[in-house]
């Protein structure tokens, strides 16, 4: 599985979506040169990073309707990813995480949470029904956290 991250893209509406759609199309249509068979490459998209602030990340403009459309259109999309928000904590991140988990579960994908969390508190999990836990991945981020998180 390959994780795509919208680093160094223009911080404007459409740049992350265009970038991701290009690679989703490539991954979906990959043909194994040894077998000549279509073998889609599994991808995970980073949809929430840098506090989702428009001046830090092109992912800011990715809406949940777009994510659902990508899940419907590309079987190679295996999940979505939230990472590196600890240094610019944004209000509402837990609500978005709960929504991302719900969307991913609906399409059989994963929501991967990778953050430094103070006291191991995953507030968004309490908003998600138990049956969706199989779609949750938790990964420890390796970047240093601020003393507040």
N, C-alpha and C. Protein backbone atom coordinates (compact mmCIF):
# COMPACT_ATOMS: atom_id res chain seq x y z
N UNK A 1 0.85 -1.17 0.00
CA UNK A 1 0.00 0.00 0.00
C UNK A 1 0.90 1.24 0.00
N UNK A 2 0.54 2.20 -0.81
CA UNK A 2 1.30 3.44 -0.92
C UNK A 2 0.48 4.58 -0.35
N UNK A 3 1.09 5.37 0.52
CA UNK A 3 0.44 6.56 1.07
C UNK A 3 0.86 7.78 0.27
N UNK A 4 -0.12 8.53 -0.21
CA UNK A 4 0.17 9.77 -0.92
C UNK A 4 -0.06 10.95 0.02
N UNK A 5 0.84 11.92 -0.07
CA UNK A 5 0.82 13.09 0.81
C UNK A 5 0.93 14.34 -0.05
N UNK A 6 0.09 15.35 0.19
CA UNK A 6 0.06 16.51 -0.71
C UNK A 6 1.11 17.58 -0.41
N UNK A 7 2.32 17.18 -0.12
CA UNK A 7 3.38 18.13 0.21
C UNK A 7 3.83 18.87 -1.04
N UNK A 8 4.19 20.12 -0.87
CA UNK A 8 4.74 20.96 -1.93
C UNK A 8 3.80 21.22 -3.10
N UNK A 9 2.51 20.98 -2.92
CA UNK A 9 1.55 21.35 -3.96
C UNK A 9 1.14 22.80 -3.74
N UNK A 10 0.63 23.42 -4.78
CA UNK A 10 0.10 24.78 -4.63
C UNK A 10 -1.02 24.76 -3.60
N UNK A 11 -1.04 25.73 -2.72
CA UNK A 11 -2.06 25.83 -1.68
C UNK A 11 -3.29 26.51 -2.26
N UNK A 12 -4.01 25.77 -3.11
CA UNK A 12 -5.20 26.31 -3.75
C UNK A 12 -6.20 25.19 -4.02
N UNK A 13 -7.46 25.58 -4.17
CA UNK A 13 -8.52 24.63 -4.43
C UNK A 13 -8.22 23.83 -5.69
N UNK A 14 -8.33 22.52 -5.59
CA UNK A 14 -8.15 21.64 -6.74
C UNK A 14 -6.79 21.01 -6.87
N UNK A 15 -5.76 21.58 -6.28
CA UNK A 15 -4.42 21.03 -6.52
C UNK A 15 -4.26 19.64 -5.90
N UNK A 16 -4.73 19.42 -4.69
CA UNK A 16 -4.61 18.09 -4.07
C UNK A 16 -5.53 17.10 -4.79
N UNK A 17 -6.75 17.52 -5.10
CA UNK A 17 -7.68 16.62 -5.79
C UNK A 17 -7.12 16.21 -7.15
N UNK A 18 -6.58 17.14 -7.90
CA UNK A 18 -5.99 16.81 -9.21
C UNK A 18 -4.81 15.85 -9.06
N UNK A 19 -3.95 16.13 -8.09
CA UNK A 19 -2.78 15.28 -7.81
C UNK A 19 -3.23 13.86 -7.47
N UNK A 20 -4.17 13.75 -6.55
CA UNK A 20 -4.65 12.43 -6.12
C UNK A 20 -5.38 11.70 -7.24
N UNK A 21 -6.21 12.41 -7.98
CA UNK A 21 -6.96 11.75 -9.05
C UNK A 21 -6.03 11.21 -10.13
N UNK A 22 -4.96 11.94 -10.41
CA UNK A 22 -3.97 11.45 -11.38
C UNK A 22 -3.39 10.12 -10.92
N UNK A 23 -2.97 10.04 -9.66
CA UNK A 23 -2.34 8.82 -9.17
C UNK A 23 -3.35 7.71 -8.91
N UNK A 24 -4.58 8.05 -8.56
CA UNK A 24 -5.62 7.02 -8.45
C UNK A 24 -5.87 6.37 -9.81
N UNK A 25 -5.91 7.18 -10.84
CA UNK A 25 -6.11 6.67 -12.20
C UNK A 25 -4.94 5.76 -12.60
N UNK A 26 -3.73 6.20 -12.33
CA UNK A 26 -2.54 5.39 -12.65
C UNK A 26 -2.56 4.07 -11.88
N UNK A 27 -2.86 4.15 -10.58
CA UNK A 27 -2.87 2.95 -9.74
C UNK A 27 -3.99 1.99 -10.16
N UNK A 28 -5.15 2.53 -10.48
CA UNK A 28 -6.30 1.70 -10.88
C UNK A 28 -6.01 0.94 -12.16
N UNK A 29 -5.29 1.56 -13.07
CA UNK A 29 -5.07 0.98 -14.40
C UNK A 29 -3.71 0.30 -14.56
N UNK A 30 -3.00 0.11 -13.46
CA UNK A 30 -1.67 -0.51 -13.55
C UNK A 30 -1.76 -1.91 -14.13
N UNK A 31 -0.91 -2.18 -15.10
CA UNK A 31 -0.82 -3.50 -15.71
C UNK A 31 0.56 -4.08 -15.37
N UNK A 32 0.54 -5.23 -14.75
CA UNK A 32 1.77 -5.92 -14.38
C UNK A 32 2.48 -6.33 -15.67
N UNK A 33 3.73 -5.84 -15.87
CA UNK A 33 4.42 -6.14 -17.13
C UNK A 33 4.77 -7.62 -17.30
N UNK A 34 4.85 -8.36 -16.21
CA UNK A 34 5.18 -9.79 -16.31
C UNK A 34 3.98 -10.63 -16.71
N UNK A 35 2.80 -10.24 -16.22
CA UNK A 35 1.61 -11.06 -16.49
C UNK A 35 0.69 -10.46 -17.55
N UNK A 36 0.82 -9.16 -17.79
CA UNK A 36 -0.08 -8.48 -18.70
C UNK A 36 -1.46 -8.26 -18.12
N UNK A 37 -1.62 -8.53 -16.82
CA UNK A 37 -2.91 -8.40 -16.15
C UNK A 37 -3.01 -7.07 -15.41
N UNK A 38 -4.23 -6.54 -15.36
CA UNK A 38 -4.50 -5.34 -14.57
C UNK A 38 -4.43 -5.72 -13.09
N UNK A 39 -3.54 -5.07 -12.36
CA UNK A 39 -3.36 -5.31 -10.92
C UNK A 39 -3.31 -3.95 -10.22
N UNK A 40 -4.46 -3.41 -9.83
CA UNK A 40 -4.48 -2.09 -9.18
C UNK A 40 -3.55 -2.03 -7.97
N UNK A 41 -2.88 -0.90 -7.84
CA UNK A 41 -1.96 -0.68 -6.72
C UNK A 41 -2.75 -0.01 -5.59
N UNK A 42 -2.76 -0.59 -4.38
CA UNK A 42 -3.52 0.00 -3.29
C UNK A 42 -2.92 1.33 -2.81
N UNK A 43 -3.78 2.34 -2.68
CA UNK A 43 -3.36 3.66 -2.24
C UNK A 43 -4.13 4.11 -1.00
N UNK A 44 -3.47 4.95 -0.21
CA UNK A 44 -4.07 5.65 0.91
C UNK A 44 -3.78 7.13 0.69
N UNK A 45 -4.80 7.99 0.86
CA UNK A 45 -4.64 9.42 0.63
C UNK A 45 -4.62 10.19 1.94
N UNK A 46 -3.69 11.10 2.10
CA UNK A 46 -3.68 12.00 3.25
C UNK A 46 -4.69 13.10 2.98
N UNK A 47 -5.74 13.14 3.80
CA UNK A 47 -6.82 14.10 3.57
C UNK A 47 -6.90 15.19 4.64
N UNK A 48 -6.17 15.03 5.74
CA UNK A 48 -6.21 16.04 6.81
C UNK A 48 -4.83 16.11 7.43
N UNK A 49 -4.18 17.25 7.26
CA UNK A 49 -2.83 17.44 7.80
C UNK A 49 -2.62 18.92 8.06
N UNK A 50 -1.62 19.24 8.85
CA UNK A 50 -1.27 20.63 9.15
C UNK A 50 -2.45 21.44 9.66
N UNK A 51 -3.28 20.78 10.49
CA UNK A 51 -4.44 21.47 11.04
C UNK A 51 -5.47 21.83 10.00
N UNK A 52 -5.30 21.29 8.80
CA UNK A 52 -6.18 21.57 7.67
C UNK A 52 -6.27 23.07 7.35
N UNK A 53 -5.21 23.79 7.65
CA UNK A 53 -5.16 25.23 7.39
C UNK A 53 -4.77 25.47 5.92
N UNK A 54 -5.51 26.31 5.25
CA UNK A 54 -5.30 26.53 3.81
C UNK A 54 -3.90 27.05 3.48
N UNK A 55 -3.26 27.76 4.40
CA UNK A 55 -1.93 28.31 4.11
C UNK A 55 -0.82 27.29 4.34
N UNK A 56 -1.15 26.11 4.89
CA UNK A 56 -0.16 25.05 5.09
C UNK A 56 -0.33 23.86 4.14
N UNK A 57 -1.57 23.56 3.74
CA UNK A 57 -1.78 22.32 3.00
C UNK A 57 -2.85 22.44 1.91
N UNK A 58 -2.56 21.82 0.79
CA UNK A 58 -3.53 21.75 -0.30
C UNK A 58 -4.67 20.80 0.03
N UNK A 59 -4.50 19.96 1.05
CA UNK A 59 -5.57 19.04 1.47
C UNK A 59 -6.77 19.79 2.06
N UNK A 60 -6.58 21.06 2.39
CA UNK A 60 -7.64 21.87 2.99
C UNK A 60 -8.94 21.81 2.19
N UNK A 61 -8.85 21.74 0.89
CA UNK A 61 -10.03 21.82 0.02
C UNK A 61 -10.66 20.46 -0.28
N UNK A 62 -10.13 19.38 0.26
CA UNK A 62 -10.72 18.06 0.01
C UNK A 62 -11.95 17.89 0.90
N UNK A 63 -13.08 17.75 0.28
CA UNK A 63 -14.35 17.62 1.00
C UNK A 63 -14.75 16.14 1.12
N UNK A 64 -15.60 15.86 2.06
CA UNK A 64 -16.02 14.47 2.27
C UNK A 64 -16.77 13.92 1.06
N UNK A 65 -17.52 14.75 0.36
CA UNK A 65 -18.22 14.28 -0.85
C UNK A 65 -17.21 13.82 -1.90
N UNK A 66 -16.10 14.54 -2.02
CA UNK A 66 -15.06 14.15 -2.97
C UNK A 66 -14.45 12.82 -2.55
N UNK A 67 -14.19 12.65 -1.25
CA UNK A 67 -13.61 11.40 -0.76
C UNK A 67 -14.54 10.23 -1.08
N UNK A 68 -15.83 10.41 -0.84
CA UNK A 68 -16.79 9.35 -1.16
C UNK A 68 -16.80 9.03 -2.65
N UNK A 69 -16.73 10.05 -3.47
CA UNK A 69 -16.69 9.85 -4.92
C UNK A 69 -15.45 9.04 -5.32
N UNK A 70 -14.32 9.32 -4.70
CA UNK A 70 -13.10 8.58 -5.02
C UNK A 70 -13.22 7.12 -4.59
N UNK A 71 -13.79 6.88 -3.41
CA UNK A 71 -14.02 5.50 -2.96
C UNK A 71 -14.92 4.76 -3.96
N UNK A 72 -15.95 5.42 -4.47
CA UNK A 72 -16.87 4.80 -5.40
C UNK A 72 -16.23 4.54 -6.76
N UNK A 73 -15.34 5.42 -7.18
CA UNK A 73 -14.76 5.34 -8.51
C UNK A 73 -13.52 4.46 -8.59
N UNK A 74 -12.75 4.36 -7.50
CA UNK A 74 -11.46 3.67 -7.57
C UNK A 74 -11.37 2.56 -6.52
N UNK A 75 -11.36 1.33 -6.98
CA UNK A 75 -11.21 0.20 -6.04
C UNK A 75 -9.82 0.16 -5.42
N UNK A 76 -8.86 0.82 -6.03
CA UNK A 76 -7.50 0.85 -5.49
C UNK A 76 -7.40 1.73 -4.25
N UNK A 77 -8.39 2.58 -4.00
CA UNK A 77 -8.37 3.44 -2.81
C UNK A 77 -8.72 2.58 -1.60
N UNK A 78 -7.73 2.38 -0.76
CA UNK A 78 -7.89 1.51 0.40
C UNK A 78 -8.12 2.26 1.70
N UNK A 79 -7.91 3.58 1.68
CA UNK A 79 -8.13 4.32 2.92
C UNK A 79 -7.69 5.76 2.82
N UNK A 80 -7.95 6.46 3.93
CA UNK A 80 -7.56 7.86 4.06
C UNK A 80 -6.79 8.05 5.35
N UNK A 81 -6.02 9.11 5.39
CA UNK A 81 -5.00 9.27 6.41
C UNK A 81 -5.07 10.67 7.01
N UNK A 82 -4.88 10.75 8.31
CA UNK A 82 -4.84 12.02 9.05
C UNK A 82 -3.53 12.04 9.83
N UNK A 83 -2.70 13.05 9.60
CA UNK A 83 -1.39 13.07 10.26
C UNK A 83 -0.86 14.48 10.43
N UNK A 84 0.07 14.62 11.35
CA UNK A 84 0.84 15.84 11.58
C UNK A 84 -0.02 17.06 11.86
N UNK A 85 -0.96 16.89 12.76
CA UNK A 85 -1.80 17.99 13.19
C UNK A 85 -1.46 18.46 14.60
N UNK A 86 -0.56 17.76 15.29
CA UNK A 86 -0.26 18.05 16.68
C UNK A 86 0.34 19.44 16.89
N UNK A 87 1.00 19.98 15.93
CA UNK A 87 1.70 21.25 16.11
C UNK A 87 0.83 22.45 15.76
N UNK A 88 -0.30 22.22 15.15
CA UNK A 88 -1.20 23.31 14.80
C UNK A 88 -2.64 22.80 14.99
N UNK A 89 -2.91 22.34 16.21
CA UNK A 89 -4.18 21.68 16.51
C UNK A 89 -5.35 22.55 16.09
N UNK A 90 -6.24 21.97 15.32
CA UNK A 90 -7.39 22.69 14.80
C UNK A 90 -8.65 22.23 15.50
N UNK A 91 -9.52 23.16 15.80
CA UNK A 91 -10.79 22.76 16.40
C UNK A 91 -11.56 21.93 15.39
N UNK A 92 -12.24 20.93 15.87
CA UNK A 92 -13.05 20.09 15.00
C UNK A 92 -12.34 18.89 14.43
N UNK A 93 -11.08 18.69 14.74
CA UNK A 93 -10.35 17.56 14.16
C UNK A 93 -10.98 16.23 14.57
N UNK A 94 -11.45 16.14 15.83
CA UNK A 94 -12.06 14.89 16.26
C UNK A 94 -13.35 14.60 15.49
N UNK A 95 -14.14 15.64 15.23
CA UNK A 95 -15.36 15.44 14.45
C UNK A 95 -15.05 14.99 13.03
N UNK A 96 -14.03 15.58 12.43
CA UNK A 96 -13.66 15.17 11.08
C UNK A 96 -13.13 13.74 11.09
N UNK A 97 -12.35 13.38 12.11
CA UNK A 97 -11.83 12.02 12.20
C UNK A 97 -12.98 11.01 12.29
N UNK A 98 -13.99 11.32 13.10
CA UNK A 98 -15.15 10.44 13.21
C UNK A 98 -15.86 10.31 11.86
N UNK A 99 -15.97 11.42 11.14
CA UNK A 99 -16.62 11.39 9.83
C UNK A 99 -15.79 10.59 8.82
N UNK A 100 -14.47 10.78 8.84
CA UNK A 100 -13.60 10.02 7.94
C UNK A 100 -13.69 8.52 8.22
N UNK A 101 -13.73 8.16 9.50
CA UNK A 101 -13.85 6.75 9.85
C UNK A 101 -15.18 6.18 9.36
N UNK A 102 -16.23 6.94 9.52
CA UNK A 102 -17.56 6.51 9.07
C UNK A 102 -17.58 6.31 7.55
N UNK A 103 -17.03 7.26 6.80
CA UNK A 103 -16.98 7.15 5.33
C UNK A 103 -16.14 5.95 4.92
N UNK A 104 -14.98 5.80 5.53
CA UNK A 104 -14.09 4.69 5.16
C UNK A 104 -14.76 3.35 5.43
N UNK A 105 -15.43 3.23 6.58
CA UNK A 105 -16.12 1.98 6.91
C UNK A 105 -17.22 1.68 5.90
N UNK A 106 -17.92 2.70 5.46
CA UNK A 106 -19.00 2.53 4.49
C UNK A 106 -18.49 1.87 3.20
N UNK A 107 -17.26 2.22 2.80
CA UNK A 107 -16.71 1.71 1.56
C UNK A 107 -15.69 0.58 1.78
N UNK A 108 -15.60 0.07 3.00
CA UNK A 108 -14.69 -1.02 3.28
C UNK A 108 -13.23 -0.61 3.34
N UNK A 109 -12.99 0.69 3.49
CA UNK A 109 -11.63 1.20 3.56
C UNK A 109 -11.20 1.45 5.00
N UNK A 110 -10.02 2.00 5.14
CA UNK A 110 -9.45 2.28 6.45
C UNK A 110 -9.33 3.79 6.67
N UNK A 111 -9.48 4.18 7.91
CA UNK A 111 -9.10 5.52 8.33
C UNK A 111 -7.91 5.35 9.25
N UNK A 112 -6.80 5.97 8.89
CA UNK A 112 -5.56 5.84 9.66
C UNK A 112 -5.28 7.15 10.37
N UNK A 113 -5.15 7.08 11.67
CA UNK A 113 -4.90 8.22 12.55
C UNK A 113 -3.44 8.14 12.99
N UNK A 114 -2.66 9.14 12.70
CA UNK A 114 -1.25 9.14 13.06
C UNK A 114 -0.90 10.49 13.69
N UNK A 115 -1.01 10.54 14.98
CA UNK A 115 -0.78 11.79 15.72
C UNK A 115 -0.08 11.51 17.04
N UNK A 116 0.59 12.52 17.57
CA UNK A 116 1.02 12.50 18.96
C UNK A 116 -0.17 13.00 19.78
N UNK A 117 -0.64 12.19 20.70
CA UNK A 117 -1.83 12.54 21.46
C UNK A 117 -1.48 12.59 22.94
N UNK A 118 -1.82 13.69 23.57
CA UNK A 118 -1.58 13.86 24.99
C UNK A 118 -2.40 12.83 25.77
N UNK A 119 -1.75 12.09 26.66
CA UNK A 119 -2.39 11.10 27.52
C UNK A 119 -3.12 10.01 26.74
N UNK A 120 -2.76 9.78 25.49
CA UNK A 120 -3.39 8.72 24.71
C UNK A 120 -4.87 8.94 24.47
N UNK A 121 -5.33 10.18 24.43
CA UNK A 121 -6.74 10.49 24.28
C UNK A 121 -7.14 10.54 22.81
N UNK A 122 -8.01 9.63 22.41
CA UNK A 122 -8.55 9.61 21.06
C UNK A 122 -10.02 9.97 21.15
N UNK A 123 -10.32 11.25 21.33
CA UNK A 123 -11.68 11.71 21.55
C UNK A 123 -12.66 11.32 20.48
N UNK A 124 -12.23 11.27 19.23
CA UNK A 124 -13.16 10.99 18.14
C UNK A 124 -13.70 9.57 18.19
N UNK A 125 -12.97 8.65 18.78
CA UNK A 125 -13.40 7.26 18.80
C UNK A 125 -14.73 7.10 19.53
N UNK A 126 -14.95 7.92 20.55
CA UNK A 126 -16.20 7.81 21.30
C UNK A 126 -17.41 8.16 20.44
N UNK A 127 -17.21 8.85 19.33
CA UNK A 127 -18.31 9.21 18.43
C UNK A 127 -18.59 8.15 17.37
N UNK A 128 -17.82 7.06 17.37
CA UNK A 128 -17.96 6.04 16.34
C UNK A 128 -18.51 4.74 16.93
N UNK A 129 -19.50 4.15 16.28
CA UNK A 129 -20.03 2.87 16.75
C UNK A 129 -18.97 1.78 16.74
N UNK A 130 -19.08 0.83 17.60
CA UNK A 130 -18.10 -0.26 17.75
C UNK A 130 -17.84 -0.97 16.43
N UNK A 131 -18.85 -1.17 15.62
CA UNK A 131 -18.68 -1.97 14.40
C UNK A 131 -17.69 -1.35 13.42
N UNK A 132 -17.31 -0.11 13.63
CA UNK A 132 -16.38 0.54 12.71
C UNK A 132 -14.93 0.44 13.15
N UNK A 133 -14.67 -0.13 14.29
CA UNK A 133 -13.29 -0.22 14.79
C UNK A 133 -12.40 -1.03 13.88
N UNK A 134 -12.95 -1.99 13.16
CA UNK A 134 -12.10 -2.79 12.28
C UNK A 134 -11.56 -1.96 11.12
N UNK A 135 -12.10 -0.78 10.91
CA UNK A 135 -11.65 0.09 9.83
C UNK A 135 -10.70 1.19 10.32
N UNK A 136 -10.31 1.13 11.59
CA UNK A 136 -9.44 2.15 12.17
C UNK A 136 -8.02 1.64 12.29
N UNK A 137 -7.08 2.44 11.80
CA UNK A 137 -5.67 2.16 12.01
C UNK A 137 -5.08 3.29 12.83
N UNK A 138 -4.26 2.96 13.79
CA UNK A 138 -3.59 3.98 14.61
C UNK A 138 -2.10 3.78 14.43
N UNK A 139 -1.44 4.83 14.02
CA UNK A 139 0.00 4.77 13.80
C UNK A 139 0.65 5.88 14.58
N UNK A 140 1.72 5.57 15.24
CA UNK A 140 2.46 6.58 16.00
C UNK A 140 3.26 7.43 15.04
N UNK A 141 3.15 8.72 15.17
CA UNK A 141 3.94 9.60 14.33
C UNK A 141 5.34 9.68 14.92
N UNK A 142 6.32 9.86 14.09
CA UNK A 142 7.71 9.86 14.55
C UNK A 142 8.26 11.26 14.73
N UNK A 143 7.49 12.26 14.38
CA UNK A 143 7.96 13.63 14.56
C UNK A 143 7.83 14.03 16.01
N UNK A 144 8.69 14.91 16.49
CA UNK A 144 8.59 15.31 17.90
C UNK A 144 7.33 16.13 18.15
N UNK A 145 6.68 15.86 19.25
CA UNK A 145 5.49 16.60 19.63
C UNK A 145 5.87 17.80 20.46
N UNK A 146 5.01 18.80 20.47
CA UNK A 146 5.22 19.95 21.34
C UNK A 146 4.99 19.50 22.77
N UNK A 147 5.46 20.24 23.77
CA UNK A 147 5.25 19.83 25.16
C UNK A 147 3.77 19.78 25.54
N UNK A 148 2.91 20.41 24.78
CA UNK A 148 1.49 20.43 25.11
C UNK A 148 0.73 19.20 24.64
N UNK A 149 1.35 18.36 23.79
CA UNK A 149 0.65 17.19 23.27
C UNK A 149 1.45 15.95 23.51
